[in-house]
Amino acid sequence: MTSTPNHPPLKYLQFEGDQSYRRFIQLDIPEKPPLSAPREPASAEAKSHGSYGALLFHPNWKARRREILQRDMHRCVHCRSDQDLQVHHRQYHFLAGEQKYRLPWDYPGHLLITLCETCHSKGHSRYRVPTIIIK
């Protein structure tokens, strides 16, 4: 377990038998976010870049998505399906100095993974994607 000044203790969540795909999950999610917490990516991006969904049609995201799909051999890293593939962000980064979220294609490769639509939906219903505030 690890702890940082701005974040409660975190632990690794990893897929069975796969050391290369793991991420931190928050152990104790507070009831209310801190007052200075950023808004969700969709609403934060709306101000400066249009909606988050619109950014997923941007040529930069399409190129980054292709890279991640290719790296993961066009298979879901969880169930190995090759159907309805999506690229998932393991965490979001809020750039405090700029008061906006990092653009979807500006994340390092280890924070992006290929999931099928089913695993992606199940993951979002079971876990909250952490937002890391970058100062």
C-alpha atoms as a PDB file:
ATOM      1  CA  MET A   1       0.000   0.000   0.000  1.00  0.00           C
ATOM      2  CA  THR A   2       1.191   3.521  -0.673  1.00  0.00           C
ATOM      3  CA  SER A   3       0.078   6.951   0.445  1.00  0.00           C
ATOM      4  CA  THR A   4       0.656  10.440  -0.918  1.00  0.00           C
ATOM      5  CA  PRO A   5      -0.023  13.819   0.741  1.00  0.00           C
ATOM      6  CA  ASN A   6      -3.077  14.546  -1.433  1.00  0.00           C
ATOM      7  CA  HIS A   7      -4.413  11.012  -1.729  1.00  0.00           C
ATOM      8  CA  PRO A   8      -5.578   8.422   0.789  1.00  0.00           C
ATOM      9  CA  PRO A   9      -3.917   4.993   0.796  1.00  0.00           C
ATOM     10  CA  LEU A  10      -4.016   3.217  -2.548  1.00  0.00           C
ATOM     11  CA  LYS A  11      -3.575  -0.437  -3.465  1.00  0.00           C
ATOM     12  CA  TYR A  12      -2.878  -2.235  -6.707  1.00  0.00           C
ATOM     13  CA  LEU A  13      -5.708  -3.718  -8.734  1.00  0.00           C
ATOM     14  CA  GLN A  14      -4.371  -6.120 -11.295  1.00  0.00           C
ATOM     15  CA  PHE A  15      -5.696  -8.692 -13.668  1.00  0.00           C
ATOM     16  CA  GLU A  16      -5.012 -12.307 -12.763  1.00  0.00           C
ATOM     17  CA  GLY A  17      -1.573 -13.466 -13.837  1.00  0.00           C
ATOM     18  CA  ASP A  18      -0.674 -10.265 -15.666  1.00  0.00           C
ATOM     19  CA  GLN A  19       1.966  -8.118 -13.969  1.00  0.00           C
ATOM     20  CA  SER A  20       2.099  -5.612 -16.840  1.00  0.00           C
ATOM     21  CA  TYR A  21      -1.513  -4.440 -16.359  1.00  0.00           C
ATOM     22  CA  ARG A  22      -2.168  -3.061 -12.923  1.00  0.00           C
ATOM     23  CA  ARG A  23      -3.426   0.190 -11.507  1.00  0.00           C
ATOM     24  CA  PHE A  24      -3.954   1.809  -8.173  1.00  0.00           C
ATOM     25  CA  ILE A  25      -7.416   1.919  -6.647  1.00  0.00           C
ATOM     26  CA  GLN A  26      -8.364   4.056  -3.705  1.00  0.00           C
ATOM     27  CA  LEU A  27      -9.079   2.111  -0.515  1.00  0.00           C
ATOM     28  CA  ASP A  28     -11.268   4.619   1.291  1.00  0.00           C
ATOM     29  CA  ILE A  29     -13.229   6.819  -1.082  1.00  0.00           C
ATOM     30  CA  PRO A  30     -14.490   9.850   0.863  1.00  0.00           C
ATOM     31  CA  GLU A  31     -18.226  10.546   0.922  1.00  0.00           C
ATOM     32  CA  LYS A  32     -17.776  14.097  -0.411  1.00  0.00           C
ATOM     33  CA  PRO A  33     -14.983  15.295  -2.698  1.00  0.00           C
ATOM     34  CA  PRO A  34     -12.743  18.075  -1.361  1.00  0.00           C
ATOM     35  CA  LEU A  35     -13.973  21.593  -2.120  1.00  0.00           C
ATOM     36  CA  SER A  36     -11.188  22.150  -4.631  1.00  0.00           C
ATOM     37  CA  ALA A  37     -11.875  18.896  -6.494  1.00  0.00           C
ATOM     38  CA  PRO A  38     -12.124  19.241 -10.259  1.00  0.00           C
ATOM     39  CA  ARG A  39     -15.327  18.470 -12.092  1.00  0.00           C
ATOM     40  CA  GLU A  40     -15.675  15.301 -14.141  1.00  0.00           C
ATOM     41  CA  PRO A  41     -13.720  15.308 -17.436  1.00  0.00           C
ATOM     42  CA  ALA A  42     -16.748  15.785 -19.683  1.00  0.00           C
ATOM     43  CA  SER A  43     -17.825  19.039 -18.037  1.00  0.00           C
ATOM     44  CA  ALA A  44     -14.293  20.366 -17.520  1.00  0.00           C
ATOM     45  CA  GLU A  45     -13.405  19.796 -21.156  1.00  0.00           C
ATOM     46  CA  ALA A  46     -16.607  21.457 -22.359  1.00  0.00           C
ATOM     47  CA  LYS A  47     -15.221  24.882 -21.466  1.00  0.00           C
ATOM     48  CA  SER A  48     -11.974  24.761 -23.386  1.00  0.00           C
ATOM     49  CA  HIS A  49     -12.085  21.862 -25.834  1.00  0.00           C
ATOM     50  CA  GLY A  50     -15.697  20.903 -26.419  1.00  0.00           C
ATOM     51  CA  SER A  51     -17.122  17.767 -24.874  1.00  0.00           C
ATOM     52  CA  TYR A  52     -14.902  14.868 -23.873  1.00  0.00           C
ATOM     53  CA  GLY A  53     -16.821  12.629 -26.268  1.00  0.00           C
ATOM     54  CA  ALA A  54     -16.007  14.959 -29.169  1.00  0.00           C
ATOM     55  CA  LEU A  55     -12.294  14.665 -28.344  1.00  0.00           C
ATOM     56  CA  LEU A  56     -12.527  10.923 -28.981  1.00  0.00           C
ATOM     57  CA  PHE A  57     -13.096  11.733 -32.674  1.00  0.00           C
ATOM     58  CA  HIS A  58      -9.976  13.914 -32.852  1.00  0.00           C
ATOM     59  CA  PRO A  59      -7.196  12.570 -35.142  1.00  0.00           C
ATOM     60  CA  ASN A  60      -4.718  12.627 -32.222  1.00  0.00           C
ATOM     61  CA  TRP A  61      -6.950  10.309 -30.163  1.00  0.00           C
ATOM     62  CA  LYS A  62      -7.580   8.018 -33.130  1.00  0.00           C
ATOM     63  CA  ALA A  63      -3.808   7.653 -33.643  1.00  0.00           C
ATOM     64  CA  ARG A  64      -3.158   7.062 -29.913  1.00  0.00           C
ATOM     65  CA  ARG A  65      -6.003   4.530 -29.772  1.00  0.00           C
ATOM     66  CA  ARG A  66      -4.513   2.627 -32.737  1.00  0.00           C
ATOM     67  CA  GLU A  67      -1.144   2.484 -30.906  1.00  0.00           C
ATOM     68  CA  ILE A  68      -2.714   1.044 -27.755  1.00  0.00           C
ATOM     69  CA  LEU A  69      -4.845  -1.481 -29.671  1.00  0.00           C
ATOM     70  CA  GLN A  70      -1.751  -2.596 -31.576  1.00  0.00           C
ATOM     71  CA  ARG A  71       0.321  -2.878 -28.388  1.00  0.00           C
ATOM     72  CA  ASP A  72      -2.404  -5.031 -26.771  1.00  0.00           C
ATOM     73  CA  MET A  73      -2.634  -7.178 -29.927  1.00  0.00           C
ATOM     74  CA  HIS A  74      -6.239  -6.095 -30.601  1.00  0.00           C
ATOM     75  CA  ARG A  75      -7.540  -8.051 -27.589  1.00  0.00           C
ATOM     76  CA  CYS A  76      -9.200  -7.128 -24.307  1.00  0.00           C
ATOM     77  CA  VAL A  77      -6.494  -7.384 -21.630  1.00  0.00           C
ATOM     78  CA  HIS A  78      -9.041  -8.855 -19.228  1.00  0.00           C
ATOM     79  CA  CYS A  79     -11.070 -11.483 -21.141  1.00  0.00           C
ATOM     80  CA  ARG A  80      -8.973 -11.640 -24.375  1.00  0.00           C
ATOM     81  CA  SER A  81     -11.999 -10.879 -26.597  1.00  0.00           C
ATOM     82  CA  ASP A  82     -11.337  -9.222 -29.946  1.00  0.00           C
ATOM     83  CA  GLN A  83     -14.884  -7.784 -30.264  1.00  0.00           C
ATOM     84  CA  ASP A  84     -16.089  -4.203 -29.544  1.00  0.00           C
ATOM     85  CA  LEU A  85     -12.687  -2.972 -28.328  1.00  0.00           C
ATOM     86  CA  GLN A  86     -12.272   0.317 -26.483  1.00  0.00           C
ATOM     87  CA  VAL A  87      -9.259   2.048 -24.969  1.00  0.00           C
ATOM     88  CA  HIS A  88      -9.705   2.772 -21.269  1.00  0.00           C
ATOM     89  CA  HIS A  89      -7.983   5.492 -19.205  1.00  0.00           C
ATOM     90  CA  ARG A  90      -6.852   4.016 -15.875  1.00  0.00           C
ATOM     91  CA  GLN A  91      -6.863   7.482 -14.327  1.00  0.00           C
ATOM     92  CA  TYR A  92      -7.570  11.068 -15.267  1.00  0.00           C
ATOM     93  CA  HIS A  93      -5.158  13.936 -14.686  1.00  0.00           C
ATOM     94  CA  PHE A  94      -6.464  17.354 -13.722  1.00  0.00           C
ATOM     95  CA  LEU A  95      -3.893  20.063 -14.469  1.00  0.00           C
ATOM     96  CA  ALA A  96      -4.443  22.443 -11.559  1.00  0.00           C
ATOM     97  CA  GLY A  97      -2.376  25.280 -13.032  1.00  0.00           C
ATOM     98  CA  GLU A  98      -4.446  25.275 -16.209  1.00  0.00           C
ATOM     99  CA  GLN A  99      -7.762  24.294 -14.537  1.00  0.00           C
ATOM    100  CA  LYS A 100      -8.464  21.606 -17.114  1.00  0.00           C
ATOM    101  CA  TYR A 101      -8.044  17.906 -17.737  1.00  0.00           C
ATOM    102  CA  ARG A 102      -5.185  16.443 -19.727  1.00  0.00           C
ATOM    103  CA  LEU A 103      -6.226  15.709 -23.309  1.00  0.00           C
ATOM    104  CA  PRO A 104      -7.164  12.034 -23.821  1.00  0.00           C
ATOM    105  CA  TRP A 105      -4.183  11.321 -26.089  1.00  0.00           C
ATOM    106  CA  ASP A 106      -1.616  12.948 -23.752  1.00  0.00           C
ATOM    107  CA  TYR A 107      -1.536  10.075 -21.252  1.00  0.00           C
ATOM    108  CA  PRO A 108       1.428   7.691 -21.011  1.00  0.00           C
ATOM    109  CA  GLY A 109       0.879   4.203 -22.411  1.00  0.00           C
ATOM    110  CA  HIS A 110       0.805   2.474 -19.035  1.00  0.00           C
ATOM    111  CA  LEU A 111      -2.358   4.440 -18.169  1.00  0.00           C
ATOM    112  CA  LEU A 112      -4.226   3.268 -21.287  1.00  0.00           C
ATOM    113  CA  ILE A 113      -5.457  -0.303 -21.800  1.00  0.00           C
ATOM    114  CA  THR A 114      -7.615  -2.154 -24.294  1.00  0.00           C
ATOM    115  CA  LEU A 115     -10.912  -3.507 -22.971  1.00  0.00           C
ATOM    116  CA  CYS A 116     -13.934  -4.957 -24.717  1.00  0.00           C
ATOM    117  CA  GLU A 117     -17.149  -3.015 -24.260  1.00  0.00           C
ATOM    118  CA  THR A 118     -18.451  -5.550 -21.704  1.00  0.00           C
ATOM    119  CA  CYS A 119     -15.335  -5.469 -19.484  1.00  0.00           C
ATOM    120  CA  HIS A 120     -15.134  -1.678 -19.825  1.00  0.00           C
ATOM    121  CA  SER A 121     -18.755  -1.258 -18.681  1.00  0.00           C
ATOM    122  CA  LYS A 122     -18.346  -3.728 -15.815  1.00  0.00           C
ATOM    123  CA  GLY A 123     -15.166  -1.977 -14.701  1.00  0.00           C
ATOM    124  CA  HIS A 124     -16.806   1.449 -14.638  1.00  0.00           C
ATOM    125  CA  SER A 125     -19.755   0.091 -12.665  1.00  0.00           C
ATOM    126  CA  ARG A 126     -17.470  -1.531 -10.048  1.00  0.00           C
ATOM    127  CA  TYR A 127     -14.616   0.997  -9.760  1.00  0.00           C
ATOM    128  CA  ARG A 128     -14.255   4.736  -9.869  1.00  0.00           C
ATOM    129  CA  VAL A 129     -11.496   5.942 -12.200  1.00  0.00           C
ATOM    130  CA  PRO A 130      -9.236   8.053  -9.976  1.00  0.00           C
ATOM    131  CA  THR A 131      -8.559  11.684 -10.795  1.00  0.00           C
ATOM    132  CA  ILE A 132      -5.023  12.775  -9.984  1.00  0.00           C
ATOM    133  CA  ILE A 133      -4.487  16.502  -9.447  1.00  0.00           C
ATOM    134  CA  ILE A 134      -1.248  17.621 -11.106  1.00  0.00           C
ATOM    135  CA  LYS A 135       0.053  20.852  -9.592  1.00  0.00           C
END
